[in-house]
C-alpha atoms as a PDB file:
ATOM      1  CA  UNK A   1      -6.315 -65.169  12.441  1.00  0.00           C
ATOM      2  CA  UNK A   2      -8.627 -62.155  12.246  1.00  0.00           C
ATOM      3  CA  UNK A   3      -7.996 -61.215  15.874  1.00  0.00           C
ATOM      4  CA  UNK A   4      -4.253 -61.533  15.353  1.00  0.00           C
ATOM      5  CA  UNK A   5      -4.426 -59.295  12.270  1.00  0.00           C
ATOM      6  CA  UNK A   6      -6.446 -56.699  14.093  1.00  0.00           C
ATOM      7  CA  UNK A   7      -4.097 -56.742  17.034  1.00  0.00           C
ATOM      8  CA  UNK A   8      -1.017 -56.452  14.887  1.00  0.00           C
ATOM      9  CA  UNK A   9      -2.591 -53.612  12.840  1.00  0.00           C
ATOM     10  CA  UNK A  10      -3.476 -51.765  16.048  1.00  0.00           C
ATOM     11  CA  UNK A  11       0.084 -52.103  17.277  1.00  0.00           C
ATOM     12  CA  UNK A  12       1.463 -50.850  13.968  1.00  0.00           C
ATOM     13  CA  UNK A  13      -0.859 -47.849  14.067  1.00  0.00           C
ATOM     14  CA  UNK A  14       0.059 -47.041  17.633  1.00  0.00           C
ATOM     15  CA  UNK A  15       3.749 -47.307  16.763  1.00  0.00           C
ATOM     16  CA  UNK A  16       3.268 -45.052  13.754  1.00  0.00           C
ATOM     17  CA  UNK A  17       1.423 -42.453  15.820  1.00  0.00           C
ATOM     18  CA  UNK A  18       4.035 -42.589  18.538  1.00  0.00           C
ATOM     19  CA  UNK A  19       6.825 -42.224  16.017  1.00  0.00           C
ATOM     20  CA  UNK A  20       5.132 -39.273  14.426  1.00  0.00           C
ATOM     21  CA  UNK A  21       4.634 -37.551  17.771  1.00  0.00           C
ATOM     22  CA  UNK A  22       8.320 -38.049  18.593  1.00  0.00           C
ATOM     23  CA  UNK A  23       9.361 -36.883  15.152  1.00  0.00           C
ATOM     24  CA  UNK A  24      10.920 -40.255  14.312  1.00  0.00           C
ATOM     25  CA  UNK A  25       8.758 -41.092  11.306  1.00  0.00           C
ATOM     26  CA  UNK A  26      10.305 -40.178   7.958  1.00  0.00           C
ATOM     27  CA  UNK A  27       8.102 -37.999   5.723  1.00  0.00           C
ATOM     28  CA  UNK A  28       9.965 -37.588   2.485  1.00  0.00           C
ATOM     29  CA  UNK A  29       7.346 -35.543   0.696  1.00  0.00           C
ATOM     30  CA  UNK A  30       6.899 -33.265   3.703  1.00  0.00           C
ATOM     31  CA  UNK A  31      10.630 -32.700   3.935  1.00  0.00           C
ATOM     32  CA  UNK A  32      10.848 -31.916   0.222  1.00  0.00           C
ATOM     33  CA  UNK A  33       7.998 -29.434   0.526  1.00  0.00           C
ATOM     34  CA  UNK A  34       9.568 -27.810   3.585  1.00  0.00           C
ATOM     35  CA  UNK A  35      12.887 -27.525   1.760  1.00  0.00           C
ATOM     36  CA  UNK A  36      11.241 -25.937  -1.260  1.00  0.00           C
ATOM     37  CA  UNK A  37       9.593 -23.326   0.963  1.00  0.00           C
ATOM     38  CA  UNK A  38      12.924 -22.580   2.606  1.00  0.00           C
ATOM     39  CA  UNK A  39      14.599 -22.177  -0.779  1.00  0.00           C
ATOM     40  CA  UNK A  40      11.839 -19.826  -1.929  1.00  0.00           C
ATOM     41  CA  UNK A  41      12.249 -17.737   1.242  1.00  0.00           C
ATOM     42  CA  UNK A  42      16.041 -17.561   0.876  1.00  0.00           C
ATOM     43  CA  UNK A  43      15.784 -16.587  -2.801  1.00  0.00           C
ATOM     44  CA  UNK A  44      13.282 -13.848  -1.957  1.00  0.00           C
ATOM     45  CA  UNK A  45      15.540 -12.487   0.777  1.00  0.00           C
ATOM     46  CA  UNK A  46      18.532 -12.660  -1.576  1.00  0.00           C
ATOM     47  CA  UNK A  47      16.760 -10.679  -4.265  1.00  0.00           C
ATOM     48  CA  UNK A  48      15.508  -8.125  -1.733  1.00  0.00           C
ATOM     49  CA  UNK A  49      18.955  -7.737  -0.185  1.00  0.00           C
ATOM     50  CA  UNK A  50      20.558  -7.332  -3.588  1.00  0.00           C
ATOM     51  CA  UNK A  51      18.113  -4.604  -4.618  1.00  0.00           C
ATOM     52  CA  UNK A  52      18.506  -2.710  -1.343  1.00  0.00           C
ATOM     53  CA  UNK A  53      22.277  -2.993  -1.502  1.00  0.00           C
ATOM     54  CA  UNK A  54      22.309  -1.675  -5.075  1.00  0.00           C
ATOM     55  CA  UNK A  55      20.131   1.292  -4.133  1.00  0.00           C
ATOM     56  CA  UNK A  56      22.165   2.106  -1.023  1.00  0.00           C
ATOM     57  CA  UNK A  57      25.545   1.762  -2.738  1.00  0.00           C
ATOM     58  CA  UNK A  58      24.467   3.980  -5.647  1.00  0.00           C
ATOM     59  CA  UNK A  59      22.326   6.511  -3.759  1.00  0.00           C
ATOM     60  CA  UNK A  60      24.151   7.136  -0.505  1.00  0.00           C
ATOM     61  CA  UNK A  61      27.104   8.951  -2.159  1.00  0.00           C
ATOM     62  CA  UNK A  62      24.652  11.578  -3.369  1.00  0.00           C
ATOM     63  CA  UNK A  63      23.552  12.294   0.179  1.00  0.00           C
ATOM     64  CA  UNK A  64      27.114  12.171   1.406  1.00  0.00           C
ATOM     65  CA  UNK A  65      28.180  14.817  -1.125  1.00  0.00           C
ATOM     66  CA  UNK A  66      25.065  17.008  -1.215  1.00  0.00           C
ATOM     67  CA  UNK A  67      23.055  16.099   1.841  1.00  0.00           C
ATOM     68  CA  UNK A  68      20.020  18.324   2.402  1.00  0.00           C
ATOM     69  CA  UNK A  69      20.673  20.154  -0.874  1.00  0.00           C
ATOM     70  CA  UNK A  70      19.495  17.121  -2.804  1.00  0.00           C
ATOM     71  CA  UNK A  71      16.240  16.877  -0.862  1.00  0.00           C
ATOM     72  CA  UNK A  72      15.643  20.632  -0.990  1.00  0.00           C
ATOM     73  CA  UNK A  73      16.673  21.087  -4.621  1.00  0.00           C
ATOM     74  CA  UNK A  74      14.311  21.354  -7.584  1.00  0.00           C
ATOM     75  CA  UNK A  75      14.157  20.015 -11.112  1.00  0.00           C
ATOM     76  CA  UNK A  76      17.224  20.747 -13.165  1.00  0.00           C
ATOM     77  CA  UNK A  77      18.927  19.621 -16.350  1.00  0.00           C
ATOM     78  CA  UNK A  78      22.182  19.273 -14.393  1.00  0.00           C
ATOM     79  CA  UNK A  79      22.722  16.182 -12.243  1.00  0.00           C
ATOM     80  CA  UNK A  80      24.820  18.227  -9.810  1.00  0.00           C
ATOM     81  CA  UNK A  81      21.982  20.695  -9.119  1.00  0.00           C
ATOM     82  CA  UNK A  82      18.899  18.462  -9.497  1.00  0.00           C
ATOM     83  CA  UNK A  83      16.845  17.709  -6.421  1.00  0.00           C
ATOM     84  CA  UNK A  84      13.593  16.047  -5.415  1.00  0.00           C
ATOM     85  CA  UNK A  85      11.777  18.620  -3.272  1.00  0.00           C
ATOM     86  CA  UNK A  86       8.909  18.934  -5.742  1.00  0.00           C
ATOM     87  CA  UNK A  87       8.576  15.152  -5.970  1.00  0.00           C
ATOM     88  CA  UNK A  88       8.398  14.876  -2.147  1.00  0.00           C
ATOM     89  CA  UNK A  89       5.726  17.590  -1.988  1.00  0.00           C
ATOM     90  CA  UNK A  90       3.743  15.939  -4.774  1.00  0.00           C
ATOM     91  CA  UNK A  91       3.885  12.549  -3.084  1.00  0.00           C
ATOM     92  CA  UNK A  92       2.785  14.144   0.182  1.00  0.00           C
ATOM     93  CA  UNK A  93      -0.397  15.530  -1.379  1.00  0.00           C
ATOM     94  CA  UNK A  94      -1.057  12.219  -3.123  1.00  0.00           C
ATOM     95  CA  UNK A  95      -0.836  10.464   0.281  1.00  0.00           C
ATOM     96  CA  UNK A  96      -3.216  13.040   1.727  1.00  0.00           C
ATOM     97  CA  UNK A  97      -5.712  12.392  -1.074  1.00  0.00           C
ATOM     98  CA  UNK A  98      -5.526   8.625  -0.431  1.00  0.00           C
ATOM     99  CA  UNK A  99      -6.007   9.040   3.317  1.00  0.00           C
ATOM    100  CA  UNK A 100      -8.870  11.523   2.936  1.00  0.00           C
ATOM    101  CA  UNK A 101     -10.721   9.718   0.144  1.00  0.00           C
ATOM    102  CA  UNK A 102      -9.794   6.052  -0.169  1.00  0.00           C
ATOM    103  CA  UNK A 103      -9.489   5.130   3.518  1.00  0.00           C
ATOM    104  CA  UNK A 104     -12.921   6.358   4.791  1.00  0.00           C
ATOM    105  CA  UNK A 105     -14.689   5.249   1.606  1.00  0.00           C
ATOM    106  CA  UNK A 106     -13.051   1.833   1.755  1.00  0.00           C
ATOM    107  CA  UNK A 107     -13.933   1.306   5.408  1.00  0.00           C
ATOM    108  CA  UNK A 108     -17.492   2.475   4.845  1.00  0.00           C
ATOM    109  CA  UNK A 109     -17.954   0.178   1.860  1.00  0.00           C
ATOM    110  CA  UNK A 110     -16.471  -2.756   3.804  1.00  0.00           C
ATOM    111  CA  UNK A 111     -18.784  -2.126   6.798  1.00  0.00           C
ATOM    112  CA  UNK A 112     -21.806  -2.017   4.529  1.00  0.00           C
ATOM    113  CA  UNK A 113     -20.892  -5.179   2.635  1.00  0.00           C
ATOM    114  CA  UNK A 114     -20.128  -7.167   5.763  1.00  0.00           C
ATOM    115  CA  UNK A 115     -22.664  -5.831   8.261  1.00  0.00           C
ATOM    116  CA  UNK A 116     -25.632  -4.365   6.370  1.00  0.00           C
ATOM    117  CA  UNK A 117     -25.794  -5.768   2.826  1.00  0.00           C
ATOM    118  CA  UNK A 118     -28.052  -8.836   2.440  1.00  0.00           C
ATOM    119  CA  UNK A 119     -26.438 -12.063   1.311  1.00  0.00           C
ATOM    120  CA  UNK A 120     -27.821 -12.239  -2.234  1.00  0.00           C
ATOM    121  CA  UNK A 121     -26.635 -12.330  -5.864  1.00  0.00           C
ATOM    122  CA  UNK A 122     -26.189  -8.567  -6.052  1.00  0.00           C
ATOM    123  CA  UNK A 123     -23.888  -8.442  -3.037  1.00  0.00           C
ATOM    124  CA  UNK A 124     -21.831 -11.344  -4.407  1.00  0.00           C
ATOM    125  CA  UNK A 125     -21.622  -9.576  -7.768  1.00  0.00           C
ATOM    126  CA  UNK A 126     -20.319  -6.398  -6.095  1.00  0.00           C
ATOM    127  CA  UNK A 127     -17.713  -8.307  -4.034  1.00  0.00           C
ATOM    128  CA  UNK A 128     -16.445 -10.200  -7.076  1.00  0.00           C
ATOM    129  CA  UNK A 129     -16.070  -6.998  -9.087  1.00  0.00           C
ATOM    130  CA  UNK A 130     -14.296  -5.243  -6.237  1.00  0.00           C
ATOM    131  CA  UNK A 131     -11.747  -8.052  -6.178  1.00  0.00           C
ATOM    132  CA  UNK A 132     -11.425  -7.881  -9.963  1.00  0.00           C
ATOM    133  CA  UNK A 133     -10.818  -4.130  -9.815  1.00  0.00           C
ATOM    134  CA  UNK A 134      -7.937  -4.735  -7.395  1.00  0.00           C
ATOM    135  CA  UNK A 135      -6.163  -6.705 -10.121  1.00  0.00           C
ATOM    136  CA  UNK A 136      -6.616  -4.164 -12.938  1.00  0.00           C
ATOM    137  CA  UNK A 137      -3.280  -2.770 -14.201  1.00  0.00           C
ATOM    138  CA  UNK A 138      -2.509   0.632 -12.739  1.00  0.00           C
ATOM    139  CA  UNK A 139      -2.087   2.243 -16.166  1.00  0.00           C
ATOM    140  CA  UNK A 140      -5.810   1.642 -16.787  1.00  0.00           C
ATOM    141  CA  UNK A 141      -6.604   3.820 -13.780  1.00  0.00           C
ATOM    142  CA  UNK A 142      -4.298   6.402 -15.267  1.00  0.00           C
ATOM    143  CA  UNK A 143      -6.344   6.433 -18.469  1.00  0.00           C
ATOM    144  CA  UNK A 144      -9.497   6.737 -16.358  1.00  0.00           C
ATOM    145  CA  UNK A 145      -8.063   9.711 -14.511  1.00  0.00           C
ATOM    146  CA  UNK A 146      -6.938  11.329 -17.764  1.00  0.00           C
ATOM    147  CA  UNK A 147     -10.395  10.928 -19.302  1.00  0.00           C
ATOM    148  CA  UNK A 148     -12.503  11.983 -16.326  1.00  0.00           C
ATOM    149  CA  UNK A 149     -10.524  13.997 -13.818  1.00  0.00           C
ATOM    150  CA  UNK A 150      -8.293  15.847 -16.334  1.00  0.00           C
ATOM    151  CA  UNK A 151     -10.298  16.188 -19.582  1.00  0.00           C
ATOM    152  CA  UNK A 152     -13.856  16.252 -18.268  1.00  0.00           C
ATOM    153  CA  UNK A 153     -13.406  17.875 -14.869  1.00  0.00           C
ATOM    154  CA  UNK A 154     -10.429  20.098 -15.811  1.00  0.00           C
ATOM    155  CA  UNK A 155      -8.363  18.925 -12.886  1.00  0.00           C
ATOM    156  CA  UNK A 156     -11.045  20.281 -10.471  1.00  0.00           C
ATOM    157  CA  UNK A 157     -10.108  23.826 -11.417  1.00  0.00           C
ATOM    158  CA  UNK A 158     -12.653  26.639 -11.789  1.00  0.00           C
ATOM    159  CA  UNK A 159     -10.180  28.739 -13.747  1.00  0.00           C
ATOM    160  CA  UNK A 160      -9.769  27.612 -17.344  1.00  0.00           C
ATOM    161  CA  UNK A 161      -6.384  29.239 -17.529  1.00  0.00           C
ATOM    162  CA  UNK A 162      -4.867  26.919 -14.958  1.00  0.00           C
ATOM    163  CA  UNK A 163      -3.090  23.784 -16.160  1.00  0.00           C
ATOM    164  CA  UNK A 164      -5.590  20.892 -15.994  1.00  0.00           C
ATOM    165  CA  UNK A 165      -3.009  18.251 -15.128  1.00  0.00           C
ATOM    166  CA  UNK A 166      -2.940  19.074 -11.423  1.00  0.00           C
ATOM    167  CA  UNK A 167      -1.998  17.226  -8.266  1.00  0.00           C
ATOM    168  CA  UNK A 168      -5.697  17.094  -7.354  1.00  0.00           C
ATOM    169  CA  UNK A 169      -6.458  14.990 -10.433  1.00  0.00           C
ATOM    170  CA  UNK A 170      -3.401  12.803  -9.805  1.00  0.00           C
ATOM    171  CA  UNK A 171      -4.268  12.292  -6.139  1.00  0.00           C
ATOM    172  CA  UNK A 172      -7.860  11.326  -6.817  1.00  0.00           C
ATOM    173  CA  UNK A 173      -6.731   8.947  -9.567  1.00  0.00           C
ATOM    174  CA  UNK A 174      -4.464   7.094  -7.157  1.00  0.00           C
ATOM    175  CA  UNK A 175      -7.179   7.135  -4.496  1.00  0.00           C
ATOM    176  CA  UNK A 176      -9.476   5.350  -6.904  1.00  0.00           C
ATOM    177  CA  UNK A 177      -6.650   2.905  -7.714  1.00  0.00           C
ATOM    178  CA  UNK A 178      -6.157   1.775  -4.099  1.00  0.00           C
ATOM    179  CA  UNK A 179      -9.849   1.940  -3.137  1.00  0.00           C
ATOM    180  CA  UNK A 180     -10.516  -1.751  -4.011  1.00  0.00           C
ATOM    181  CA  UNK A 181      -7.486  -2.815  -1.963  1.00  0.00           C
ATOM    182  CA  UNK A 182      -8.750  -0.813   0.994  1.00  0.00           C
ATOM    183  CA  UNK A 183     -12.224  -2.385   0.689  1.00  0.00           C
ATOM    184  CA  UNK A 184     -10.822  -5.920   0.501  1.00  0.00           C
ATOM    185  CA  UNK A 185      -8.446  -5.569   3.454  1.00  0.00           C
ATOM    186  CA  UNK A 186     -11.086  -3.875   5.614  1.00  0.00           C
ATOM    187  CA  UNK A 187     -13.659  -6.503   4.668  1.00  0.00           C
ATOM    188  CA  UNK A 188     -11.286  -9.339   5.637  1.00  0.00           C
ATOM    189  CA  UNK A 189     -10.536  -7.641   8.963  1.00  0.00           C
ATOM    190  CA  UNK A 190     -14.245  -7.208   9.740  1.00  0.00           C
ATOM    191  CA  UNK A 191     -15.002 -10.784   8.635  1.00  0.00           C
ATOM    192  CA  UNK A 192     -12.398 -12.052  11.144  1.00  0.00           C
ATOM    193  CA  UNK A 193     -14.319 -10.582  14.087  1.00  0.00           C
ATOM    194  CA  UNK A 194     -15.841 -13.493  16.093  1.00  0.00           C
ATOM    195  CA  UNK A 195     -19.585 -13.730  15.782  1.00  0.00           C
ATOM    196  CA  UNK A 196     -19.780 -14.269  19.557  1.00  0.00           C
ATOM    197  CA  UNK A 197     -18.821 -10.595  20.116  1.00  0.00           C
ATOM    198  CA  UNK A 198     -21.764  -9.445  18.040  1.00  0.00           C
ATOM    199  CA  UNK A 199     -24.164 -11.887  19.697  1.00  0.00           C
ATOM    200  CA  UNK A 200     -23.029 -10.849  23.163  1.00  0.00           C
ATOM    201  CA  UNK A 201     -23.515  -7.160  22.357  1.00  0.00           C
ATOM    202  CA  UNK A 202     -26.956  -7.826  20.876  1.00  0.00           C
ATOM    203  CA  UNK A 203     -27.798  -9.854  23.978  1.00  0.00           C
ATOM    204  CA  UNK A 204     -27.363  -6.847  26.259  1.00  0.00           C
ATOM    205  CA  UNK A 205     -29.601  -4.690  24.056  1.00  0.00           C
ATOM    206  CA  UNK A 206     -27.089  -2.895  21.811  1.00  0.00           C
ATOM    207  CA  UNK A 207     -28.233  -1.616  18.420  1.00  0.00           C
ATOM    208  CA  UNK A 208     -26.509  -2.624  15.229  1.00  0.00           C
ATOM    209  CA  UNK A 209     -24.573   0.661  15.025  1.00  0.00           C
ATOM    210  CA  UNK A 210     -23.491   0.341  18.664  1.00  0.00           C
ATOM    211  CA  UNK A 211     -22.271  -3.221  17.969  1.00  0.00           C
ATOM    212  CA  UNK A 212     -20.254  -2.036  14.977  1.00  0.00           C
ATOM    213  CA  UNK A 213     -18.851   1.013  16.763  1.00  0.00           C
ATOM    214  CA  UNK A 214     -17.945  -0.584  20.083  1.00  0.00           C
ATOM    215  CA  UNK A 215     -17.160  -4.187  19.110  1.00  0.00           C
ATOM    216  CA  UNK A 216     -16.555  -4.787  15.414  1.00  0.00           C
ATOM    217  CA  UNK A 217     -14.439  -1.791  14.437  1.00  0.00           C
ATOM    218  CA  UNK A 218     -12.156  -1.845  17.532  1.00  0.00           C
ATOM    219  CA  UNK A 219     -11.524  -5.560  17.054  1.00  0.00           C
ATOM    220  CA  UNK A 220     -10.854  -5.109  13.319  1.00  0.00           C
ATOM    221  CA  UNK A 221      -8.780  -1.942  13.758  1.00  0.00           C
ATOM    222  CA  UNK A 222      -5.307  -3.599  13.428  1.00  0.00           C
ATOM    223  CA  UNK A 223      -6.257  -5.218  10.107  1.00  0.00           C
ATOM    224  CA  UNK A 224      -7.886  -2.025   8.820  1.00  0.00           C
ATOM    225  CA  UNK A 225      -4.826  -0.005   9.808  1.00  0.00           C
ATOM    226  CA  UNK A 226      -2.553  -2.427   7.978  1.00  0.00           C
ATOM    227  CA  UNK A 227      -4.707  -2.130   4.866  1.00  0.00           C
ATOM    228  CA  UNK A 228      -4.574   1.632   5.028  1.00  0.00           C
ATOM    229  CA  UNK A 229      -0.767   1.565   5.266  1.00  0.00           C
ATOM    230  CA  UNK A 230      -0.518  -0.789   2.282  1.00  0.00           C
ATOM    231  CA  UNK A 231      -2.819   1.453   0.297  1.00  0.00           C
ATOM    232  CA  UNK A 232      -0.854   4.629   1.035  1.00  0.00           C
ATOM    233  CA  UNK A 233       2.475   2.885   0.326  1.00  0.00           C
ATOM    234  CA  UNK A 234       1.283   1.585  -3.010  1.00  0.00           C
ATOM    235  CA  UNK A 235      -0.224   4.943  -4.025  1.00  0.00           C
ATOM    236  CA  UNK A 236       2.950   6.935  -3.452  1.00  0.00           C
ATOM    237  CA  UNK A 237       4.990   4.282  -5.224  1.00  0.00           C
ATOM    238  CA  UNK A 238       2.952   4.149  -8.443  1.00  0.00           C
ATOM    239  CA  UNK A 239       4.426   5.834 -11.498  1.00  0.00           C
ATOM    240  CA  UNK A 240       2.398   4.624 -14.505  1.00  0.00           C
ATOM    241  CA  UNK A 241      -0.908   6.372 -13.595  1.00  0.00           C
ATOM    242  CA  UNK A 242       0.915   9.615 -12.815  1.00  0.00           C
ATOM    243  CA  UNK A 243       2.738   9.596 -16.145  1.00  0.00           C
ATOM    244  CA  UNK A 244      -0.576   9.121 -17.963  1.00  0.00           C
ATOM    245  CA  UNK A 245      -2.252  11.878 -15.946  1.00  0.00           C
ATOM    246  CA  UNK A 246       0.687  14.187 -16.630  1.00  0.00           C
ATOM    247  CA  UNK A 247       3.086  14.013 -13.680  1.00  0.00           C
ATOM    248  CA  UNK A 248       6.316  13.945 -15.646  1.00  0.00           C
ATOM    249  CA  UNK A 249       7.946  17.336 -15.350  1.00  0.00           C
ATOM    250  CA  UNK A 250       6.941  20.783 -14.193  1.00  0.00           C
ATOM    251  CA  UNK A 251       7.621  23.469 -11.618  1.00  0.00           C
ATOM    252  CA  UNK A 252       5.432  24.698  -8.831  1.00  0.00           C
ATOM    253  CA  UNK A 253       4.615  28.366  -9.134  1.00  0.00           C
ATOM    254  CA  UNK A 254       6.334  29.382  -5.888  1.00  0.00           C
ATOM    255  CA  UNK A 255       9.755  27.956  -6.719  1.00  0.00           C
ATOM    256  CA  UNK A 256      11.378  24.960  -5.089  1.00  0.00           C
ATOM    257  CA  UNK A 257      12.326  23.826  -1.612  1.00  0.00           C
ATOM    258  CA  UNK A 258      10.785  21.911   1.251  1.00  0.00           C
ATOM    259  CA  UNK A 259       8.913  24.722   2.957  1.00  0.00           C
ATOM    260  CA  UNK A 260       5.342  25.557   3.928  1.00  0.00           C
ATOM    261  CA  UNK A 261       4.623  28.083   1.093  1.00  0.00           C
ATOM    262  CA  UNK A 262       5.585  25.595  -1.558  1.00  0.00           C
ATOM    263  CA  UNK A 263       3.656  22.865   0.198  1.00  0.00           C
ATOM    264  CA  UNK A 264       0.515  24.984   0.311  1.00  0.00           C
ATOM    265  CA  UNK A 265       0.927  26.277  -3.234  1.00  0.00           C
ATOM    266  CA  UNK A 266       1.313  22.793  -4.647  1.00  0.00           C
ATOM    267  CA  UNK A 267      -1.846  21.440  -3.111  1.00  0.00           C
ATOM    268  CA  UNK A 268      -5.046  22.910  -4.507  1.00  0.00           C
ATOM    269  CA  UNK A 269      -3.743  24.349  -7.784  1.00  0.00           C
ATOM    270  CA  UNK A 270      -0.229  23.070  -8.442  1.00  0.00           C
ATOM    271  CA  UNK A 271       0.467  23.694 -12.127  1.00  0.00           C
ATOM    272  CA  UNK A 272       3.082  21.112 -12.933  1.00  0.00           C
ATOM    273  CA  UNK A 273       2.397  17.700 -11.483  1.00  0.00           C
ATOM    274  CA  UNK A 274       5.563  16.200 -10.019  1.00  0.00           C
ATOM    275  CA  UNK A 275       5.845  13.143  -7.761  1.00  0.00           C
ATOM    276  CA  UNK A 276       8.707  11.097  -6.422  1.00  0.00           C
ATOM    277  CA  UNK A 277       8.112   7.960  -8.595  1.00  0.00           C
ATOM    278  CA  UNK A 278       8.101  10.036 -11.773  1.00  0.00           C
ATOM    279  CA  UNK A 279      11.374  11.684 -10.780  1.00  0.00           C
ATOM    280  CA  UNK A 280      12.898   8.202 -10.458  1.00  0.00           C
ATOM    281  CA  UNK A 281      11.518   7.188 -13.855  1.00  0.00           C
ATOM    282  CA  UNK A 282      12.680  10.373 -15.577  1.00  0.00           C
ATOM    283  CA  UNK A 283      16.094  10.204 -13.968  1.00  0.00           C
ATOM    284  CA  UNK A 284      16.569   6.614 -15.086  1.00  0.00           C
ATOM    285  CA  UNK A 285      15.848   7.642 -18.699  1.00  0.00           C
ATOM    286  CA  UNK A 286      18.305  10.518 -18.814  1.00  0.00           C
ATOM    287  CA  UNK A 287      21.337  10.029 -21.103  1.00  0.00           C
ATOM    288  CA  UNK A 288      23.718  11.268 -18.408  1.00  0.00           C
ATOM    289  CA  UNK A 289      25.065   8.367 -16.282  1.00  0.00           C
ATOM    290  CA  UNK A 290      24.924  10.620 -13.214  1.00  0.00           C
ATOM    291  CA  UNK A 291      21.162  10.789 -13.630  1.00  0.00           C
ATOM    292  CA  UNK A 292      20.652   7.142 -14.459  1.00  0.00           C
ATOM    293  CA  UNK A 293      22.503   5.662 -11.485  1.00  0.00           C
ATOM    294  CA  UNK A 294      23.297   7.943  -8.520  1.00  0.00           C
ATOM    295  CA  UNK A 295      20.355  10.380  -8.731  1.00  0.00           C
ATOM    296  CA  UNK A 296      17.762   7.779  -9.664  1.00  0.00           C
ATOM    297  CA  UNK A 297      18.888   5.545  -6.769  1.00  0.00           C
ATOM    298  CA  UNK A 298      18.988   8.531  -4.408  1.00  0.00           C
ATOM    299  CA  UNK A 299      15.335   9.344  -5.157  1.00  0.00           C
ATOM    300  CA  UNK A 300      14.321   5.801  -4.082  1.00  0.00           C
ATOM    301  CA  UNK A 301      15.831   6.123  -0.580  1.00  0.00           C
ATOM    302  CA  UNK A 302      13.223   8.594   0.754  1.00  0.00           C
ATOM    303  CA  UNK A 303      10.531   6.140  -0.311  1.00  0.00           C
ATOM    304  CA  UNK A 304      12.189   3.326   1.613  1.00  0.00           C
ATOM    305  CA  UNK A 305      12.583   5.536   4.651  1.00  0.00           C
ATOM    306  CA  UNK A 306       8.944   6.650   4.418  1.00  0.00           C
ATOM    307  CA  UNK A 307       7.605   3.099   4.206  1.00  0.00           C
ATOM    308  CA  UNK A 308       9.738   1.968   7.164  1.00  0.00           C
ATOM    309  CA  UNK A 309       8.711   5.045   9.143  1.00  0.00           C
ATOM    310  CA  UNK A 310       4.930   4.678   8.692  1.00  0.00           C
ATOM    311  CA  UNK A 311       5.149   0.989   9.463  1.00  0.00           C
ATOM    312  CA  UNK A 312       7.119   1.726  12.606  1.00  0.00           C
ATOM    313  CA  UNK A 313       4.669   4.427  13.657  1.00  0.00           C
ATOM    314  CA  UNK A 314       1.722   2.196  12.934  1.00  0.00           C
ATOM    315  CA  UNK A 315       2.929  -0.475  15.328  1.00  0.00           C
ATOM    316  CA  UNK A 316       2.096   1.805  18.276  1.00  0.00           C
ATOM    317  CA  UNK A 317      -1.690   2.107  17.723  1.00  0.00           C
ATOM    318  CA  UNK A 318      -1.828  -1.416  16.299  1.00  0.00           C
ATOM    319  CA  UNK A 319      -0.228  -2.808  19.474  1.00  0.00           C
ATOM    320  CA  UNK A 320      -2.568  -0.716  21.560  1.00  0.00           C
ATOM    321  CA  UNK A 321      -5.630  -2.048  19.774  1.00  0.00           C
ATOM    322  CA  UNK A 322      -4.410  -5.658  20.101  1.00  0.00           C
ATOM    323  CA  UNK A 323      -3.742  -5.249  23.837  1.00  0.00           C
ATOM    324  CA  UNK A 324      -7.155  -3.706  24.325  1.00  0.00           C
ATOM    325  CA  UNK A 325      -8.708  -6.526  22.319  1.00  0.00           C
ATOM    326  CA  UNK A 326      -6.997  -9.237  24.365  1.00  0.00           C
ATOM    327  CA  UNK A 327      -8.150  -7.859  27.705  1.00  0.00           C
END
């Protein structure tokens, strides 16, 4: 009886395994889970498509009617004359601040935490707090920038007569905001490097710095680059910290327009802090329907184009690093 039971059980197991391999076994819970994931994906795509369609349908007529004049125009109380040149220039300098400050500091901190820091309670405490800082609401960073970079450090201006709410203070505030994100993404990319690469490099006599420079960082470069892009995209899309720091309205001292003199003048000592997200926010609050719908939607389109552009450009070095890594 026992041998018969064992034999029949073995046959049932083999039949079950064979049916599973051929996809013939019914898995109700697995199918339900798969269907729920598909529904979630379709709902996300539907929401994203609806938002993009709303922005395009409301914003494209502005570019059809005004074209370059809208991009090159400045702040105005009239919807027909208002433009976003100052917002584009402000967002450009904010992106520069993030790339110059947050990216190298984030990579350096990640390299230290993953390659140099000892595995002890202090390192774990630092890593936990970095992850907690990544989840802090952005308006809190705006209050930090207002208290330190604007009130205490006078917007990094040596001339007390210059407006303290400058693009320098706004850019550093957003660099601090995205710094935890940069550290986390760079740390995850470095952590994904196989230990065998390090051991092989150490085996041929390489120093720790040579291992990091020639093996770890090139292998982790695609992930680090992706984290840098996410950081820059989030920084130029944040509005709450800029509003707190003072980027609501204002004019650059050299007038308006997308040209080199205005770009240079806005950088170190720009008086009125203006950025693209704040122009969208202010336009949406205007009583005029032309501001609330067409102009506000039209200011979003450059942001979409910018995000798509930097992601497209980033695929070139990212693909190069991945090909080099695979060879």
